[in-house]
């Protein structure tokens, strides 16, 4: 069918070729932007995608910033599990600006952590102590 379409009119063939080229340029451009500047893409993409693909920078709990950790807390004081009941955190960008009108997401506090140093959210540990945060933030340089 495509061959028949392409043979009928050179103008149609040119339109199809231009449409294909523009589509490829668009896809490559969006993909490149996601790799180079995920913060910009996070502002454009729907909230569900930002959350699912971890495109947010960090979380906040009661206005305090919590940063992703590379590994679970090592202290023996925190190995008794999670506190019963959920707390709620907000996904924010590098500047601390919330996504989607500060929508709150369920998270959990660790037992025996009265200072709320750690939060468990989205299958990962977060901390408010910048010295324990992931190297990707660059706090420990």
N, C-alpha and C. Protein backbone atom coordinates (compact mmCIF):
# COMPACT_ATOMS: atom_id res chain seq x y z
N UNK A 1 0.83 -1.19 0.00
CA UNK A 1 0.00 0.00 0.00
C UNK A 1 0.87 1.25 0.00
N UNK A 2 1.94 1.23 0.79
CA UNK A 2 2.82 2.40 0.83
C UNK A 2 3.47 2.62 -0.53
N UNK A 3 3.88 1.54 -1.19
CA UNK A 3 4.48 1.68 -2.52
C UNK A 3 3.49 2.29 -3.49
N UNK A 4 2.26 1.84 -3.43
CA UNK A 4 1.22 2.40 -4.29
C UNK A 4 1.04 3.89 -4.01
N UNK A 5 1.03 4.25 -2.76
CA UNK A 5 0.86 5.63 -2.34
C UNK A 5 2.04 6.47 -2.82
N UNK A 6 3.25 5.93 -2.68
CA UNK A 6 4.46 6.65 -3.04
C UNK A 6 4.57 6.82 -4.56
N UNK A 7 4.10 5.87 -5.34
CA UNK A 7 4.19 5.94 -6.81
C UNK A 7 3.22 6.95 -7.39
N UNK A 8 2.09 7.15 -6.72
CA UNK A 8 1.04 8.00 -7.29
C UNK A 8 1.47 9.45 -7.41
N UNK A 9 2.14 9.97 -6.39
CA UNK A 9 2.43 11.40 -6.42
C UNK A 9 3.76 11.69 -5.75
N UNK A 10 4.67 12.35 -6.47
CA UNK A 10 5.94 12.74 -5.85
C UNK A 10 5.73 13.71 -4.70
N UNK A 11 4.72 14.54 -4.78
CA UNK A 11 4.43 15.48 -3.70
C UNK A 11 4.06 14.73 -2.42
N UNK A 12 3.26 13.71 -2.53
CA UNK A 12 2.89 12.89 -1.36
C UNK A 12 4.11 12.21 -0.80
N UNK A 13 4.97 11.71 -1.67
CA UNK A 13 6.19 11.04 -1.22
C UNK A 13 7.05 12.02 -0.42
N UNK A 14 7.17 13.24 -0.90
CA UNK A 14 7.96 14.25 -0.20
C UNK A 14 7.35 14.58 1.17
N UNK A 15 6.05 14.64 1.23
CA UNK A 15 5.37 14.90 2.51
C UNK A 15 5.65 13.78 3.50
N UNK A 16 5.57 12.55 3.03
CA UNK A 16 5.84 11.40 3.90
C UNK A 16 7.28 11.43 4.38
N UNK A 17 8.21 11.71 3.51
CA UNK A 17 9.63 11.75 3.89
C UNK A 17 9.87 12.87 4.91
N UNK A 18 9.32 14.03 4.68
CA UNK A 18 9.47 15.15 5.62
C UNK A 18 8.86 14.79 6.97
N UNK A 19 7.69 14.17 6.97
CA UNK A 19 7.04 13.77 8.23
C UNK A 19 7.90 12.78 9.00
N UNK A 20 8.49 11.83 8.30
CA UNK A 20 9.35 10.84 8.96
C UNK A 20 10.58 11.51 9.53
N UNK A 21 11.22 12.37 8.76
CA UNK A 21 12.43 13.06 9.23
C UNK A 21 12.11 13.92 10.44
N UNK A 22 11.02 14.68 10.41
CA UNK A 22 10.64 15.50 11.56
C UNK A 22 10.33 14.67 12.79
N UNK A 23 9.70 13.53 12.60
CA UNK A 23 9.40 12.64 13.73
C UNK A 23 10.67 12.13 14.37
N UNK A 24 11.63 11.73 13.55
CA UNK A 24 12.91 11.24 14.08
C UNK A 24 13.64 12.35 14.82
N UNK A 25 13.67 13.54 14.25
CA UNK A 25 14.33 14.68 14.92
C UNK A 25 13.66 14.97 16.26
N UNK A 26 12.34 14.95 16.30
CA UNK A 26 11.60 15.20 17.53
C UNK A 26 11.94 14.16 18.60
N UNK A 27 11.90 12.90 18.24
CA UNK A 27 12.19 11.82 19.20
C UNK A 27 13.63 11.91 19.71
N UNK A 28 14.57 12.13 18.81
CA UNK A 28 15.98 12.26 19.22
C UNK A 28 16.17 13.48 20.11
N UNK A 29 15.52 14.57 19.79
CA UNK A 29 15.63 15.79 20.60
C UNK A 29 15.08 15.60 22.00
N UNK A 30 13.92 15.00 22.12
CA UNK A 30 13.32 14.75 23.43
C UNK A 30 14.19 13.78 24.23
N UNK A 31 14.66 12.72 23.60
CA UNK A 31 15.52 11.75 24.28
C UNK A 31 16.81 12.40 24.77
N UNK A 32 17.40 13.21 23.91
CA UNK A 32 18.62 13.91 24.29
C UNK A 32 18.41 14.86 25.45
N UNK A 33 17.29 15.57 25.43
CA UNK A 33 17.00 16.50 26.51
C UNK A 33 16.78 15.76 27.83
N UNK A 34 16.16 14.57 27.76
CA UNK A 34 15.95 13.79 28.98
C UNK A 34 17.27 13.35 29.58
N UNK A 35 18.24 13.04 28.73
CA UNK A 35 19.54 12.60 29.23
C UNK A 35 20.38 13.77 29.72
N UNK A 36 20.33 14.88 29.02
CA UNK A 36 21.18 16.03 29.36
C UNK A 36 20.58 16.86 30.48
N UNK A 37 19.29 17.15 30.42
CA UNK A 37 18.64 18.02 31.39
C UNK A 37 17.35 17.40 31.92
N UNK A 38 17.45 16.39 32.79
CA UNK A 38 16.23 15.77 33.31
C UNK A 38 15.37 16.72 34.13
N UNK A 39 15.99 17.77 34.71
CA UNK A 39 15.21 18.73 35.49
C UNK A 39 14.21 19.49 34.62
N UNK A 40 14.60 19.82 33.39
CA UNK A 40 13.70 20.50 32.47
C UNK A 40 12.57 19.56 32.06
N UNK A 41 12.93 18.33 31.75
CA UNK A 41 11.92 17.36 31.33
C UNK A 41 10.94 17.07 32.45
N UNK A 42 11.42 17.08 33.69
CA UNK A 42 10.54 16.81 34.82
C UNK A 42 9.45 17.87 34.94
N UNK A 43 9.76 19.08 34.52
CA UNK A 43 8.76 20.14 34.57
C UNK A 43 7.73 19.99 33.45
N UNK A 44 8.10 19.35 32.36
CA UNK A 44 7.21 19.19 31.22
C UNK A 44 6.35 17.94 31.35
N UNK A 45 6.94 16.88 31.88
CA UNK A 45 6.26 15.58 31.94
C UNK A 45 5.17 15.55 33.01
N UNK A 46 4.21 14.66 32.87
CA UNK A 46 3.17 14.50 33.89
C UNK A 46 3.77 14.03 35.22
N UNK A 47 3.10 14.40 36.30
CA UNK A 47 3.56 14.07 37.65
C UNK A 47 3.80 12.57 37.82
N UNK A 48 2.92 11.75 37.28
CA UNK A 48 3.05 10.29 37.44
C UNK A 48 4.37 9.79 36.84
N UNK A 49 4.81 10.38 35.74
CA UNK A 49 6.07 9.99 35.12
C UNK A 49 7.24 10.47 35.97
N UNK A 50 7.15 11.69 36.49
CA UNK A 50 8.21 12.24 37.35
C UNK A 50 8.42 11.33 38.55
N UNK A 51 7.33 10.89 39.15
CA UNK A 51 7.43 10.01 40.32
C UNK A 51 7.94 8.63 39.93
N UNK A 52 7.36 8.03 38.91
CA UNK A 52 7.70 6.66 38.53
C UNK A 52 9.16 6.52 38.13
N UNK A 53 9.69 7.48 37.39
CA UNK A 53 11.06 7.38 36.88
C UNK A 53 12.06 8.19 37.70
N UNK A 54 11.66 8.58 38.91
CA UNK A 54 12.54 9.27 39.86
C UNK A 54 13.18 10.51 39.26
N UNK A 55 12.40 11.33 38.58
CA UNK A 55 12.92 12.54 37.95
C UNK A 55 12.92 13.74 38.90
N UNK A 56 12.44 13.55 40.12
CA UNK A 56 12.49 14.62 41.12
C UNK A 56 13.89 14.63 41.74
N UNK A 57 14.25 15.74 42.34
CA UNK A 57 15.58 15.86 42.92
C UNK A 57 15.64 15.27 44.33
N UNK A 58 14.70 15.65 45.18
CA UNK A 58 14.66 15.12 46.54
C UNK A 58 13.24 15.27 47.08
N UNK A 59 13.04 14.97 48.36
CA UNK A 59 11.71 15.06 48.97
C UNK A 59 11.77 16.02 50.16
N UNK A 60 10.61 16.48 50.57
CA UNK A 60 10.53 17.26 51.80
C UNK A 60 9.48 16.65 52.72
N UNK A 61 9.74 16.79 54.01
CA UNK A 61 8.82 16.32 55.05
C UNK A 61 8.72 17.44 56.08
N UNK A 62 7.55 17.99 56.24
CA UNK A 62 7.33 19.14 57.12
C UNK A 62 8.29 20.28 56.80
N UNK A 63 8.54 20.51 55.52
CA UNK A 63 9.39 21.61 55.09
C UNK A 63 10.89 21.35 55.18
N UNK A 64 11.29 20.16 55.62
CA UNK A 64 12.70 19.81 55.74
C UNK A 64 13.10 18.97 54.53
N UNK A 65 14.24 19.29 53.93
CA UNK A 65 14.72 18.54 52.77
C UNK A 65 15.35 17.22 53.19
N UNK A 66 14.98 16.16 52.45
CA UNK A 66 15.55 14.82 52.64
C UNK A 66 16.12 14.36 51.30
N UNK A 67 17.36 13.87 51.34
CA UNK A 67 18.07 13.50 50.12
C UNK A 67 18.27 11.99 50.05
N UNK A 68 18.27 11.47 48.84
CA UNK A 68 18.45 10.05 48.60
C UNK A 68 19.79 9.58 49.16
N UNK A 69 19.77 8.38 49.74
CA UNK A 69 21.00 7.76 50.25
C UNK A 69 21.45 6.67 49.29
N UNK A 70 22.75 6.44 49.22
CA UNK A 70 23.27 5.37 48.38
C UNK A 70 23.03 4.00 48.99
N UNK A 71 22.90 3.94 50.31
CA UNK A 71 22.67 2.66 50.99
C UNK A 71 21.80 2.90 52.22
N UNK A 72 21.32 1.82 52.78
CA UNK A 72 20.47 1.90 53.97
C UNK A 72 21.29 2.39 55.17
N UNK A 73 20.62 3.01 56.14
CA UNK A 73 21.33 3.43 57.35
C UNK A 73 22.02 2.23 58.01
N UNK A 74 23.22 2.44 58.50
CA UNK A 74 24.00 1.34 59.05
C UNK A 74 23.83 1.18 60.55
N UNK A 75 23.25 2.15 61.21
CA UNK A 75 23.14 2.13 62.66
C UNK A 75 22.26 0.98 63.14
N UNK A 76 22.69 0.30 64.20
CA UNK A 76 21.90 -0.78 64.80
C UNK A 76 20.62 -0.24 65.46
N UNK A 77 20.62 1.05 65.74
CA UNK A 77 19.45 1.64 66.39
C UNK A 77 18.22 1.68 65.49
N UNK A 78 18.43 1.53 64.19
CA UNK A 78 17.32 1.71 63.25
C UNK A 78 16.94 0.43 62.53
N UNK A 79 17.28 -0.71 63.08
CA UNK A 79 17.02 -1.96 62.35
C UNK A 79 15.77 -2.69 62.83
N UNK A 80 14.91 -2.03 63.58
CA UNK A 80 13.71 -2.68 64.10
C UNK A 80 12.49 -2.49 63.22
N UNK A 81 12.65 -1.94 62.07
CA UNK A 81 11.53 -1.79 61.16
C UNK A 81 11.01 -0.37 61.08
N UNK A 82 9.83 -0.25 60.53
CA UNK A 82 9.23 1.06 60.30
C UNK A 82 8.20 1.37 61.37
N UNK A 83 7.99 2.64 61.58
CA UNK A 83 6.96 3.08 62.50
C UNK A 83 5.61 2.74 61.88
N UNK A 84 4.67 2.31 62.67
CA UNK A 84 3.34 2.02 62.14
C UNK A 84 2.67 3.33 61.75
N UNK A 85 1.99 3.29 60.66
CA UNK A 85 1.33 4.47 60.15
C UNK A 85 2.23 5.22 59.18
N UNK A 86 1.59 5.91 58.27
CA UNK A 86 2.32 6.59 57.22
C UNK A 86 2.52 8.06 57.57
N UNK A 87 3.57 8.62 56.99
CA UNK A 87 3.76 10.06 56.97
C UNK A 87 3.67 10.45 55.50
N UNK A 88 3.65 11.72 55.21
CA UNK A 88 3.52 12.15 53.83
C UNK A 88 4.63 13.12 53.46
N UNK A 89 5.20 12.89 52.28
CA UNK A 89 6.30 13.71 51.78
C UNK A 89 5.88 14.37 50.46
N UNK A 90 6.66 15.36 50.06
CA UNK A 90 6.40 16.09 48.81
C UNK A 90 7.63 15.96 47.92
N UNK A 91 7.41 15.70 46.64
CA UNK A 91 8.49 15.61 45.66
C UNK A 91 8.83 17.02 45.20
N UNK A 92 10.14 17.35 45.22
CA UNK A 92 10.56 18.70 44.85
C UNK A 92 11.72 18.66 43.86
N UNK A 93 11.93 19.78 43.17
CA UNK A 93 13.05 19.88 42.23
C UNK A 93 14.29 20.40 42.97
N UNK A 94 15.37 20.69 42.26
CA UNK A 94 16.62 21.13 42.87
C UNK A 94 16.46 22.39 43.71
N UNK A 95 15.57 23.27 43.30
CA UNK A 95 15.36 24.52 44.02
C UNK A 95 14.38 24.35 45.19
N UNK A 96 13.87 23.15 45.39
CA UNK A 96 12.92 22.90 46.46
C UNK A 96 11.49 23.23 46.10
N UNK A 97 11.23 23.43 44.82
CA UNK A 97 9.87 23.75 44.36
C UNK A 97 9.10 22.45 44.15
N UNK A 98 7.95 22.31 44.79
CA UNK A 98 7.17 21.08 44.66
C UNK A 98 6.58 20.89 43.27
N UNK A 99 6.40 19.63 42.90
CA UNK A 99 5.70 19.28 41.67
C UNK A 99 4.23 19.16 41.98
N UNK A 100 3.41 19.45 41.02
CA UNK A 100 1.95 19.26 41.07
C UNK A 100 1.32 19.79 42.36
N UNK A 101 1.48 21.07 42.59
CA UNK A 101 0.82 21.74 43.72
C UNK A 101 1.04 21.01 45.05
N UNK A 102 2.26 20.59 45.27
CA UNK A 102 2.65 19.97 46.54
C UNK A 102 1.84 18.71 46.86
N UNK A 103 1.59 17.88 45.86
CA UNK A 103 0.89 16.62 46.11
C UNK A 103 1.72 15.79 47.09
N UNK A 104 1.06 15.19 48.04
CA UNK A 104 1.76 14.42 49.08
C UNK A 104 1.73 12.94 48.75
N UNK A 105 2.84 12.28 49.09
CA UNK A 105 3.01 10.85 48.83
C UNK A 105 3.30 10.13 50.15
N UNK A 106 2.79 8.92 50.32
CA UNK A 106 3.03 8.19 51.57
C UNK A 106 4.48 7.72 51.68
N UNK A 107 5.01 7.82 52.89
CA UNK A 107 6.37 7.38 53.21
C UNK A 107 6.34 6.83 54.64
N UNK A 108 7.48 6.30 55.08
CA UNK A 108 7.54 5.70 56.41
C UNK A 108 8.77 6.18 57.16
N UNK A 109 8.59 6.35 58.48
CA UNK A 109 9.71 6.70 59.35
C UNK A 109 10.30 5.42 59.91
N UNK A 110 11.55 5.47 60.31
CA UNK A 110 12.19 4.30 60.92
C UNK A 110 11.95 4.28 62.42
N UNK A 111 11.83 3.08 62.95
CA UNK A 111 11.70 2.93 64.40
C UNK A 111 13.01 3.38 65.06
N UNK A 112 12.91 3.83 66.29
CA UNK A 112 14.06 4.29 67.07
C UNK A 112 14.82 5.42 66.37
N UNK A 113 14.11 6.29 65.70
CA UNK A 113 14.71 7.46 65.06
C UNK A 113 13.92 8.70 65.51
N UNK A 114 14.06 9.08 66.78
CA UNK A 114 13.25 10.18 67.31
C UNK A 114 13.57 11.53 66.65
N UNK A 115 14.76 11.67 66.07
CA UNK A 115 15.14 12.92 65.42
C UNK A 115 14.68 12.98 63.97
N UNK A 116 14.03 11.92 63.51
CA UNK A 116 13.55 11.81 62.13
C UNK A 116 14.68 12.13 61.15
N UNK A 117 15.78 11.44 61.32
CA UNK A 117 16.93 11.61 60.43
C UNK A 117 16.71 10.90 59.10
N UNK A 118 15.92 9.82 59.11
CA UNK A 118 15.71 9.01 57.91
C UNK A 118 14.23 8.89 57.57
N UNK A 119 13.95 8.75 56.29
CA UNK A 119 12.61 8.46 55.79
C UNK A 119 12.75 7.40 54.71
N UNK A 120 11.83 6.44 54.69
CA UNK A 120 11.80 5.41 53.66
C UNK A 120 10.69 5.76 52.70
N UNK A 121 11.05 5.99 51.44
CA UNK A 121 10.06 6.38 50.43
C UNK A 121 10.44 5.79 49.08
N UNK A 122 9.46 5.25 48.39
CA UNK A 122 9.63 4.76 47.02
C UNK A 122 10.78 3.75 46.93
N UNK A 123 10.82 2.83 47.88
CA UNK A 123 11.81 1.76 47.94
C UNK A 123 13.24 2.24 48.13
N UNK A 124 13.40 3.39 48.76
CA UNK A 124 14.75 3.93 49.00
C UNK A 124 14.75 4.71 50.32
N UNK A 125 15.94 4.86 50.87
CA UNK A 125 16.12 5.64 52.09
C UNK A 125 16.54 7.06 51.74
N UNK A 126 16.00 8.01 52.48
CA UNK A 126 16.34 9.42 52.34
C UNK A 126 16.79 9.93 53.71
N UNK A 127 17.66 10.94 53.72
CA UNK A 127 18.15 11.50 54.97
C UNK A 127 18.19 13.02 54.88
N UNK A 128 18.07 13.66 56.04
CA UNK A 128 18.20 15.12 56.07
C UNK A 128 19.63 15.54 56.35
N UNK A 129 20.48 14.58 56.72
CA UNK A 129 21.90 14.83 56.96
C UNK A 129 22.64 14.80 55.61
N UNK A 130 23.07 15.96 55.16
CA UNK A 130 23.70 16.05 53.83
C UNK A 130 24.98 15.22 53.74
N UNK A 131 25.65 14.98 54.85
CA UNK A 131 26.88 14.18 54.81
C UNK A 131 26.59 12.71 54.53
N UNK A 132 25.34 12.28 54.73
CA UNK A 132 24.95 10.89 54.47
C UNK A 132 24.25 10.74 53.11
N UNK A 133 24.01 11.86 52.44
CA UNK A 133 23.29 11.84 51.17
C UNK A 133 24.14 11.22 50.06
N UNK A 134 23.48 10.81 49.00
CA UNK A 134 24.15 10.21 47.86
C UNK A 134 25.21 11.15 47.29
N UNK A 135 26.25 10.57 46.73
CA UNK A 135 27.33 11.34 46.12
C UNK A 135 26.83 12.19 44.95
N UNK A 136 25.72 11.80 44.34
CA UNK A 136 25.22 12.52 43.17
C UNK A 136 24.86 13.97 43.49
N UNK A 137 24.59 14.29 44.75
CA UNK A 137 24.26 15.66 45.13
C UNK A 137 25.49 16.56 45.22
N UNK A 138 26.65 15.96 45.43
CA UNK A 138 27.88 16.74 45.51
C UNK A 138 28.08 17.46 46.83
N UNK A 139 27.41 17.05 47.88
CA UNK A 139 27.57 17.70 49.18
C UNK A 139 28.90 17.36 49.84
N UNK A 140 29.44 16.21 49.54
CA UNK A 140 30.64 15.70 50.23
C UNK A 140 31.94 16.00 49.50
N UNK A 141 31.92 16.96 48.62
CA UNK A 141 33.14 17.28 47.85
C UNK A 141 34.05 18.19 48.61
